[in-house]
């Protein structure tokens, strides 16, 4: 009783300490009650579901977001600043496209691998970065590192103009997967006996998903994994144009990157775009798509382009298993736009949705410098696919 009285006397003497203590207790209660949860797994495909529960055990675990930055925008922004960037040696290949354009492929051949010493049959991950990303993004470097630790080879497909000179008046967009098709064919020609798994992040995930939906069984891949991709583009731009951090930080930063890329090669587009100066004034992704992307790819309006780019209505076209990781609080892809119901009635699709994580965030631990949740899922998934098959119907160990 005397100890309790001393505590009460302390808070009476220092009321600010009492307020701080209440805040800390409330914060911790909220974190442990509403933030730390098991992810939601939506998958009606029994074989694929069993594969995930057996070979990707992380789907059973609670996700513990970094306690001091679990808010979605904070997680999204902070990850890009604090995440470590491991050293990766790439061998660069410039691959020509049929129309005279080119893309840059960055290979992590992993010839030192003792797990898969034969380069001809070494399993290979085809990695697609995000909207303005390249193979040197921290998330790309970490994904490559995780794959090579397991003995696999990785080739990063950098979109036109990202890391290589743009030669023609054509860039890239979410709805068009022709360049990816040429890259996959090229990789298979070089290593015909090497099984492939595709992994796409953000826009890269959308391009990969559209490719898998269009090509079906002819995709030349065992499986795919998509991270933080936008399912319904209309809902995504609505979210990104909300006043505040979404519009004035996330949206504007990405729009500026697109405009900068356009300005660098504006001389190529002057004969194809009616008002280049109008493109340069774009301050949001939708404005840029309206003024540049849609007309460059033959769409009459940005609405037509977005309708074609949406993937929430293409789940039923998948012919190989695809694991999709999203956060419920992703400002680029709000939870209500994630097709959980479709995943419960279609084969070859699994949606793993965490309560928090932001966009390509998924930081965990008090000091989230080492590879975290997203990379652990990736490692377990690709290792399970290559070793067992994505529905456990291929070869076993």
Protein backbone atom coordinates (compact mmCIF):
# COMPACT_ATOMS: atom_id res chain seq x y z
CA UNK A 1 0.00 0.00 0.00
CA UNK A 2 2.85 2.33 0.81
CA UNK A 3 4.38 1.72 -2.62
CA UNK A 4 1.09 2.59 -4.34
CA UNK A 5 0.84 5.80 -2.31
CA UNK A 6 4.35 6.77 -3.41
CA UNK A 7 3.40 6.24 -7.05
CA UNK A 8 0.26 8.35 -6.65
CA UNK A 9 2.24 11.09 -4.90
CA UNK A 10 4.76 11.03 -7.78
CA UNK A 11 2.10 11.59 -10.42
CA UNK A 12 0.50 14.35 -8.37
CA UNK A 13 3.90 16.03 -8.17
CA UNK A 14 4.66 15.51 -11.85
CA UNK A 15 1.36 15.56 -13.78
CA UNK A 16 3.18 15.57 -17.15
CA UNK A 17 4.65 12.17 -16.28
CA UNK A 18 1.12 10.89 -15.67
CA UNK A 19 -0.03 12.14 -19.07
CA UNK A 20 2.99 10.59 -20.80
CA UNK A 21 2.41 7.30 -19.01
CA UNK A 22 -1.24 7.23 -20.09
CA UNK A 23 -0.18 7.93 -23.67
CA UNK A 24 2.42 5.15 -23.64
CA UNK A 25 -0.02 2.66 -22.12
CA UNK A 26 -2.70 3.62 -24.65
CA UNK A 27 -0.22 3.38 -27.53
CA UNK A 28 0.94 -0.07 -26.44
CA UNK A 29 -2.63 -1.30 -25.95
CA UNK A 30 -3.54 -0.12 -29.45
CA UNK A 31 -0.41 -1.69 -30.95
CA UNK A 32 -0.88 -5.12 -29.38
CA UNK A 33 -4.66 -5.15 -29.92
CA UNK A 34 -5.12 -3.70 -33.41
CA UNK A 35 -1.71 -3.69 -35.13
CA UNK A 36 -0.05 -7.02 -34.37
CA UNK A 37 -2.12 -9.61 -36.21
CA UNK A 38 -1.84 -12.67 -38.39
CA UNK A 39 -2.18 -11.72 -42.05
CA UNK A 40 -5.36 -12.62 -43.88
CA UNK A 41 -4.82 -15.44 -46.37
CA UNK A 42 -7.43 -15.71 -49.11
CA UNK A 43 -6.94 -18.78 -51.29
CA UNK A 44 -9.59 -21.26 -52.42
CA UNK A 45 -7.15 -23.38 -54.44
CA UNK A 46 -6.65 -26.35 -52.10
CA UNK A 47 -3.31 -27.47 -53.52
CA UNK A 48 -1.90 -23.96 -53.55
CA UNK A 49 -3.24 -23.27 -50.05
CA UNK A 50 -1.63 -26.45 -48.72
CA UNK A 51 1.65 -25.52 -50.39
CA UNK A 52 1.63 -22.13 -48.70
CA UNK A 53 0.77 -23.44 -45.26
CA UNK A 54 3.40 -26.20 -45.54
CA UNK A 55 6.26 -24.48 -47.36
CA UNK A 56 5.73 -20.81 -46.47
CA UNK A 57 5.31 -21.03 -42.67
CA UNK A 58 5.44 -17.26 -42.26
CA UNK A 59 1.78 -17.14 -43.35
CA UNK A 60 0.93 -18.63 -39.93
CA UNK A 61 2.85 -15.97 -38.00
CA UNK A 62 1.73 -12.63 -36.68
CA UNK A 63 3.25 -9.63 -38.39
CA UNK A 64 4.93 -7.32 -35.87
CA UNK A 65 5.30 -3.94 -37.61
CA UNK A 66 7.98 -1.63 -36.26
CA UNK A 67 6.30 -0.19 -33.21
CA UNK A 68 7.43 3.41 -33.71
CA UNK A 69 6.40 3.76 -37.36
CA UNK A 70 3.51 1.45 -38.19
CA UNK A 71 1.43 4.24 -39.76
CA UNK A 72 1.19 3.51 -43.48
CA UNK A 73 2.79 6.66 -44.91
CA UNK A 74 5.52 6.62 -42.25
CA UNK A 75 6.33 2.99 -43.02
CA UNK A 76 6.36 3.72 -46.77
CA UNK A 77 8.68 6.71 -46.55
CA UNK A 78 10.97 5.63 -43.72
CA UNK A 79 11.79 2.27 -45.30
CA UNK A 80 13.34 3.98 -48.30
CA UNK A 81 15.71 5.89 -46.01
CA UNK A 82 16.74 3.36 -43.36
CA UNK A 83 16.71 0.03 -45.16
CA UNK A 84 20.18 -1.30 -45.75
CA UNK A 85 21.40 -1.67 -49.32
CA UNK A 86 23.54 -4.81 -49.66
CA UNK A 87 26.26 -4.89 -52.27
CA UNK A 88 25.27 -6.80 -55.39
CA UNK A 89 27.44 -7.41 -58.43
CA UNK A 90 25.46 -7.18 -61.65
CA UNK A 91 26.46 -8.16 -65.15
CA UNK A 92 24.57 -5.77 -67.42
CA UNK A 93 23.06 -6.82 -70.72
CA UNK A 94 21.35 -4.41 -73.12
CA UNK A 95 18.56 -6.27 -74.87
CA UNK A 96 17.17 -4.90 -78.11
CA UNK A 97 13.43 -4.86 -78.70
CA UNK A 98 11.74 -5.58 -82.07
CA UNK A 99 10.74 -1.92 -82.54
CA UNK A 100 14.33 -0.66 -82.18
CA UNK A 101 14.09 0.14 -78.49
CA UNK A 102 16.12 -1.45 -75.73
CA UNK A 103 15.92 -2.50 -72.09
CA UNK A 104 18.60 -3.15 -69.51
CA UNK A 105 18.87 -6.54 -67.88
CA UNK A 106 20.98 -6.77 -64.74
CA UNK A 107 22.08 -10.32 -64.03
CA UNK A 108 23.16 -11.74 -60.70
CA UNK A 109 24.42 -15.00 -62.18
CA UNK A 110 25.45 -16.48 -58.83
CA UNK A 111 28.05 -18.71 -60.44
CA UNK A 112 29.56 -19.35 -56.99
CA UNK A 113 26.44 -21.24 -55.97
CA UNK A 114 27.20 -24.65 -54.51
CA UNK A 115 23.50 -25.43 -54.14
CA UNK A 116 22.84 -25.15 -57.88
CA UNK A 117 26.29 -25.34 -59.49
CA UNK A 118 25.07 -26.05 -63.03
CA UNK A 119 24.43 -22.64 -64.65
CA UNK A 120 22.30 -24.19 -67.41
CA UNK A 121 19.67 -25.49 -64.97
CA UNK A 122 20.07 -23.00 -62.12
CA UNK A 123 16.56 -21.75 -61.16
CA UNK A 124 16.08 -18.09 -62.07
CA UNK A 125 14.01 -15.25 -60.69
CA UNK A 126 12.87 -12.54 -63.12
CA UNK A 127 12.48 -9.38 -61.02
CA UNK A 128 10.47 -6.29 -62.04
CA UNK A 129 10.99 -3.08 -60.01
CA UNK A 130 8.36 -0.38 -59.45
CA UNK A 131 7.20 2.70 -61.34
CA UNK A 132 10.49 4.59 -61.66
CA UNK A 133 12.64 1.96 -59.95
CA UNK A 134 15.72 0.11 -61.14
CA UNK A 135 17.86 -2.80 -60.03
CA UNK A 136 19.61 -0.49 -57.55
CA UNK A 137 16.57 0.19 -55.37
CA UNK A 138 17.15 -1.08 -51.85
CA UNK A 139 14.21 -3.48 -52.08
CA UNK A 140 15.57 -4.88 -55.37
CA UNK A 141 19.05 -5.33 -53.90
CA UNK A 142 17.60 -7.14 -50.89
CA UNK A 143 15.39 -9.40 -53.01
CA UNK A 144 18.37 -10.28 -55.21
CA UNK A 145 20.51 -10.98 -52.15
CA UNK A 146 17.89 -13.24 -50.59
CA UNK A 147 17.51 -15.23 -53.82
CA UNK A 148 21.25 -15.66 -54.35
CA UNK A 149 21.68 -16.87 -50.75
CA UNK A 150 19.40 -19.74 -51.68
CA UNK A 151 21.56 -20.56 -54.69
CA UNK A 152 19.32 -19.03 -57.36
CA UNK A 153 20.05 -16.69 -60.26
CA UNK A 154 18.26 -13.36 -60.66
CA UNK A 155 17.75 -11.13 -63.67
CA UNK A 156 16.33 -7.67 -63.05
CA UNK A 157 14.27 -6.28 -65.91
CA UNK A 158 14.64 -2.49 -65.94
CA UNK A 159 11.91 -0.81 -67.98
CA UNK A 160 12.80 1.31 -71.01
CA UNK A 161 14.57 4.52 -70.11
CA UNK A 162 15.28 3.33 -66.56
CA UNK A 163 19.01 2.78 -66.48
CA UNK A 164 19.43 2.63 -70.25
CA UNK A 165 19.12 5.18 -73.02
CA UNK A 166 15.67 5.53 -74.52
CA UNK A 167 16.03 5.05 -78.27
CA UNK A 168 12.42 5.22 -79.48
CA UNK A 169 9.26 7.15 -78.61
CA UNK A 170 8.00 4.38 -76.37
CA UNK A 171 8.29 3.92 -72.63
CA UNK A 172 6.23 1.49 -70.54
CA UNK A 173 2.91 1.22 -68.74
CA UNK A 174 0.99 -1.09 -66.42
CA UNK A 175 -1.25 -2.57 -69.11
CA UNK A 176 1.47 -3.44 -71.62
CA UNK A 177 3.55 -6.56 -71.05
CA UNK A 178 5.10 -6.98 -74.50
CA UNK A 179 8.60 -6.08 -73.34
CA UNK A 180 8.36 -8.56 -70.47
CA UNK A 181 7.30 -11.23 -72.96
CA UNK A 182 10.46 -10.59 -75.00
CA UNK A 183 12.60 -10.66 -71.85
CA UNK A 184 11.14 -13.99 -70.71
CA UNK A 185 11.68 -15.50 -74.17
CA UNK A 186 15.25 -14.24 -74.17
CA UNK A 187 15.97 -15.72 -70.75
CA UNK A 188 14.49 -19.07 -71.76
CA UNK A 189 16.59 -19.12 -74.93
CA UNK A 190 19.74 -18.54 -72.92
CA UNK A 191 18.83 -21.05 -70.20
CA UNK A 192 16.15 -23.38 -71.59
CA UNK A 193 16.51 -25.87 -68.73
CA UNK A 194 16.29 -23.28 -65.96
CA UNK A 195 12.87 -22.95 -64.29
CA UNK A 196 11.61 -19.37 -63.89
CA UNK A 197 9.62 -17.55 -61.24
CA UNK A 198 8.52 -13.95 -61.78
CA UNK A 199 8.48 -11.36 -59.00
CA UNK A 200 7.11 -7.85 -59.43
CA UNK A 201 7.01 -4.93 -57.03
CA UNK A 202 4.33 -2.21 -57.29
CA UNK A 203 4.03 -1.33 -61.01
CA UNK A 204 6.32 -4.27 -61.76
CA UNK A 205 3.76 -6.51 -60.06
CA UNK A 206 1.00 -5.10 -62.25
CA UNK A 207 2.99 -5.71 -65.43
CA UNK A 208 3.83 -9.25 -64.29
CA UNK A 209 0.23 -10.01 -63.34
CA UNK A 210 -1.07 -8.69 -66.66
CA UNK A 211 1.53 -10.79 -68.46
CA UNK A 212 0.56 -13.96 -66.57
CA UNK A 213 -3.15 -13.30 -67.13
CA UNK A 214 -2.65 -12.75 -70.87
CA UNK A 215 -0.28 -15.64 -71.56
CA UNK A 216 -1.84 -18.29 -69.32
CA UNK A 217 -0.06 -21.63 -69.60
CA UNK A 218 2.34 -20.17 -72.18
CA UNK A 219 3.96 -17.78 -69.68
CA UNK A 220 7.14 -19.92 -69.32
CA UNK A 221 7.05 -19.47 -65.54
CA UNK A 222 6.33 -21.88 -62.71
CA UNK A 223 4.71 -19.19 -60.59
CA UNK A 224 4.66 -15.51 -59.74
CA UNK A 225 4.82 -13.24 -56.72
CA UNK A 226 3.50 -9.68 -56.68
CA UNK A 227 4.17 -7.19 -53.88
CA UNK A 228 2.25 -3.99 -53.09
CA UNK A 229 0.59 -3.72 -56.49
CA UNK A 230 -2.47 -1.64 -57.23
CA UNK A 231 -5.45 -3.85 -58.07
CA UNK A 232 -8.01 -1.26 -59.13
CA UNK A 233 -6.20 1.73 -60.61
CA UNK A 234 -9.21 4.02 -60.26
CA UNK A 235 -9.34 3.37 -56.51
CA UNK A 236 -5.59 3.85 -56.29
CA UNK A 237 -5.59 7.31 -57.88
CA UNK A 238 -8.54 8.30 -55.70
CA UNK A 239 -6.52 7.33 -52.64
CA UNK A 240 -3.37 9.04 -53.87
CA UNK A 241 -5.20 12.27 -54.62
CA UNK A 242 -6.58 12.67 -51.12
CA UNK A 243 -5.32 15.94 -49.57
CA UNK A 244 -2.38 15.54 -47.24
CA UNK A 245 0.61 13.23 -47.39
CA UNK A 246 -0.91 11.00 -50.06
CA UNK A 247 -1.22 13.80 -52.59
CA UNK A 248 1.51 16.23 -51.61
CA UNK A 249 4.26 13.73 -50.85
CA UNK A 250 3.68 10.26 -52.33
CA UNK A 251 1.82 11.28 -55.48
CA UNK A 252 3.92 14.33 -56.29
CA UNK A 253 7.24 12.57 -55.76
CA UNK A 254 6.36 9.77 -58.18
CA UNK A 255 4.86 12.22 -60.68
CA UNK A 256 8.05 14.26 -60.58
CA UNK A 257 10.10 11.16 -61.35
CA UNK A 258 7.92 10.44 -64.38
CA UNK A 259 8.14 14.04 -65.58
CA UNK A 260 11.92 14.06 -65.16
CA UNK A 261 12.23 10.92 -67.27
CA UNK A 262 9.96 12.45 -69.91
CA UNK A 263 11.92 15.70 -69.97
CA UNK A 264 15.19 13.84 -70.48
CA UNK A 265 13.88 12.31 -73.70
CA UNK A 266 11.33 14.92 -74.71
CA UNK A 267 12.91 15.30 -78.15
CA UNK A 268 11.73 11.77 -78.98
CA UNK A 269 8.11 12.57 -78.14
CA UNK A 270 7.62 15.97 -79.74
CA UNK A 271 6.14 14.45 -82.90
CA UNK A 272 3.80 12.18 -80.93
CA UNK A 273 2.58 14.39 -78.09
CA UNK A 274 0.60 17.49 -78.99
CA UNK A 275 1.62 19.61 -75.99
CA UNK A 276 4.86 18.53 -74.31
CA UNK A 277 4.85 21.58 -72.05
CA UNK A 278 1.52 20.43 -70.68
CA UNK A 279 3.10 17.08 -69.78
CA UNK A 280 5.90 18.88 -67.94
CA UNK A 281 3.33 20.59 -65.71
CA UNK A 282 1.93 17.28 -64.44
CA UNK A 283 1.90 17.18 -60.65
CA UNK A 284 0.04 13.88 -60.14
CA UNK A 285 0.34 10.42 -61.66
CA UNK A 286 -3.15 10.71 -63.18
CA UNK A 287 -2.28 13.99 -64.89
CA UNK A 288 0.86 12.44 -66.35
CA UNK A 289 -1.05 9.39 -67.54
CA UNK A 290 -3.75 11.60 -69.07
CA UNK A 291 -1.28 13.81 -70.92
CA UNK A 292 1.38 11.25 -71.86
CA UNK A 293 0.92 7.54 -71.05
CA UNK A 294 -2.61 7.12 -72.44
CA UNK A 295 -2.01 8.80 -75.83
CA UNK A 296 1.43 7.19 -76.25
CA UNK A 297 -0.08 3.71 -75.91
CA UNK A 298 -3.08 4.40 -78.12
CA UNK A 299 -5.77 5.06 -75.52
CA UNK A 300 -8.34 7.77 -76.13
CA UNK A 301 -8.55 8.74 -72.47
CA UNK A 302 -6.81 8.01 -69.19
CA UNK A 303 -9.99 6.19 -68.15
CA UNK A 304 -9.56 3.76 -71.06
CA UNK A 305 -5.95 3.18 -70.08
CA UNK A 306 -6.82 2.57 -66.43
CA UNK A 307 -9.60 0.16 -67.35
CA UNK A 308 -7.12 -1.90 -69.33
CA UNK A 309 -4.46 -1.68 -66.59
CA UNK A 310 -6.73 -2.87 -63.76
CA UNK A 311 -6.03 -6.40 -62.59
CA UNK A 312 -8.73 -7.00 -59.99
CA UNK A 313 -10.98 -8.37 -62.74
CA UNK A 314 -8.36 -10.67 -64.33
CA UNK A 315 -7.86 -13.15 -61.50
CA UNK A 316 -9.79 -15.85 -63.37
CA UNK A 317 -7.30 -15.77 -66.26
CA UNK A 318 -4.34 -17.06 -64.22
CA UNK A 319 -3.02 -20.50 -65.19
CA UNK A 320 0.00 -20.61 -62.84
CA UNK A 321 -0.04 -19.91 -59.08
CA UNK A 322 0.53 -16.30 -58.00
CA UNK A 323 1.08 -15.10 -54.43
CA UNK A 324 0.18 -11.45 -53.86
CA UNK A 325 1.33 -9.57 -50.77
CA UNK A 326 -0.49 -6.36 -49.85
CA UNK A 327 -0.93 -4.27 -46.73
CA UNK A 328 -4.47 -3.31 -45.78
CA UNK A 329 -3.30 0.26 -45.17
CA UNK A 330 -1.36 0.68 -48.44
CA UNK A 331 -2.14 4.21 -49.70
CA UNK A 332 -1.54 2.99 -53.26
CA UNK A 333 -4.00 0.12 -53.00
CA UNK A 334 -6.76 0.50 -50.38
CA UNK A 335 -8.06 -2.70 -48.82
CA UNK A 336 -11.55 -2.43 -50.31
CA UNK A 337 -9.97 -2.64 -53.78
CA UNK A 338 -8.17 -5.92 -53.05
CA UNK A 339 -10.20 -8.75 -54.65
CA UNK A 340 -10.43 -11.03 -51.62
CA UNK A 341 -13.75 -12.49 -52.78
CA UNK A 342 -12.31 -13.38 -56.19
CA UNK A 343 -9.42 -15.20 -54.50
CA UNK A 344 -11.97 -17.31 -52.65
CA UNK A 345 -13.64 -18.55 -55.84
CA UNK A 346 -10.75 -18.85 -58.33
CA UNK A 347 -7.72 -21.15 -58.64
CA UNK A 348 -4.06 -20.13 -58.88
CA UNK A 349 -4.37 -17.03 -56.71
CA UNK A 350 -3.47 -16.40 -53.08
CA UNK A 351 -3.79 -13.01 -51.38
CA UNK A 352 -1.81 -12.38 -48.21
CA UNK A 353 -2.96 -9.14 -46.58
CA UNK A 354 -1.28 -7.71 -43.49
CA UNK A 355 -3.08 -5.22 -41.26
CA UNK A 356 -0.22 -2.71 -41.64
CA UNK A 357 2.84 -2.32 -43.84
CA UNK A 358 2.21 0.64 -46.14
CA UNK A 359 3.55 0.50 -49.68
CA UNK A 360 6.62 -1.75 -50.02
CA UNK A 361 7.13 -1.09 -46.31
CA UNK A 362 6.58 -4.13 -44.09
CA UNK A 363 9.24 -3.00 -41.59
CA UNK A 364 9.42 -5.16 -38.50
CA UNK A 365 11.44 -5.10 -35.29
CA UNK A 366 12.62 -2.18 -33.18
CA UNK A 367 15.61 -1.49 -35.44
CA UNK A 368 14.47 -2.58 -38.93
CA UNK A 369 17.75 -2.50 -40.76
CA UNK A 370 17.99 -6.16 -41.69
CA UNK A 371 15.75 -7.80 -44.32
CA UNK A 372 12.29 -8.13 -42.84
CA UNK A 373 8.84 -9.52 -43.50
CA UNK A 374 8.56 -9.00 -47.25
CA UNK A 375 11.94 -10.61 -47.89
CA UNK A 376 11.26 -13.57 -45.61
CA UNK A 377 8.03 -14.31 -47.45
CA UNK A 378 9.82 -13.99 -50.79
CA UNK A 379 12.61 -16.35 -49.70
CA UNK A 380 10.28 -19.02 -48.37
CA UNK A 381 7.99 -18.78 -51.37
CA UNK A 382 10.54 -19.00 -54.18
CA UNK A 383 12.48 -21.71 -52.36
CA UNK A 384 9.30 -23.71 -51.93
CA UNK A 385 8.31 -23.23 -55.58
CA UNK A 386 11.70 -24.22 -56.99
CA UNK A 387 12.15 -27.18 -54.66
CA UNK A 388 8.63 -28.56 -54.50
CA UNK A 389 6.49 -26.90 -57.15
CA UNK A 390 3.88 -24.24 -56.33
CA UNK A 391 1.17 -26.85 -55.83
CA UNK A 392 3.47 -29.60 -54.58
CA UNK A 393 2.83 -31.57 -57.76
CA UNK A 394 6.35 -31.25 -59.16
CA UNK A 395 9.49 -33.00 -58.00
CA UNK A 396 10.13 -33.44 -54.28
CA UNK A 397 13.40 -33.35 -52.40
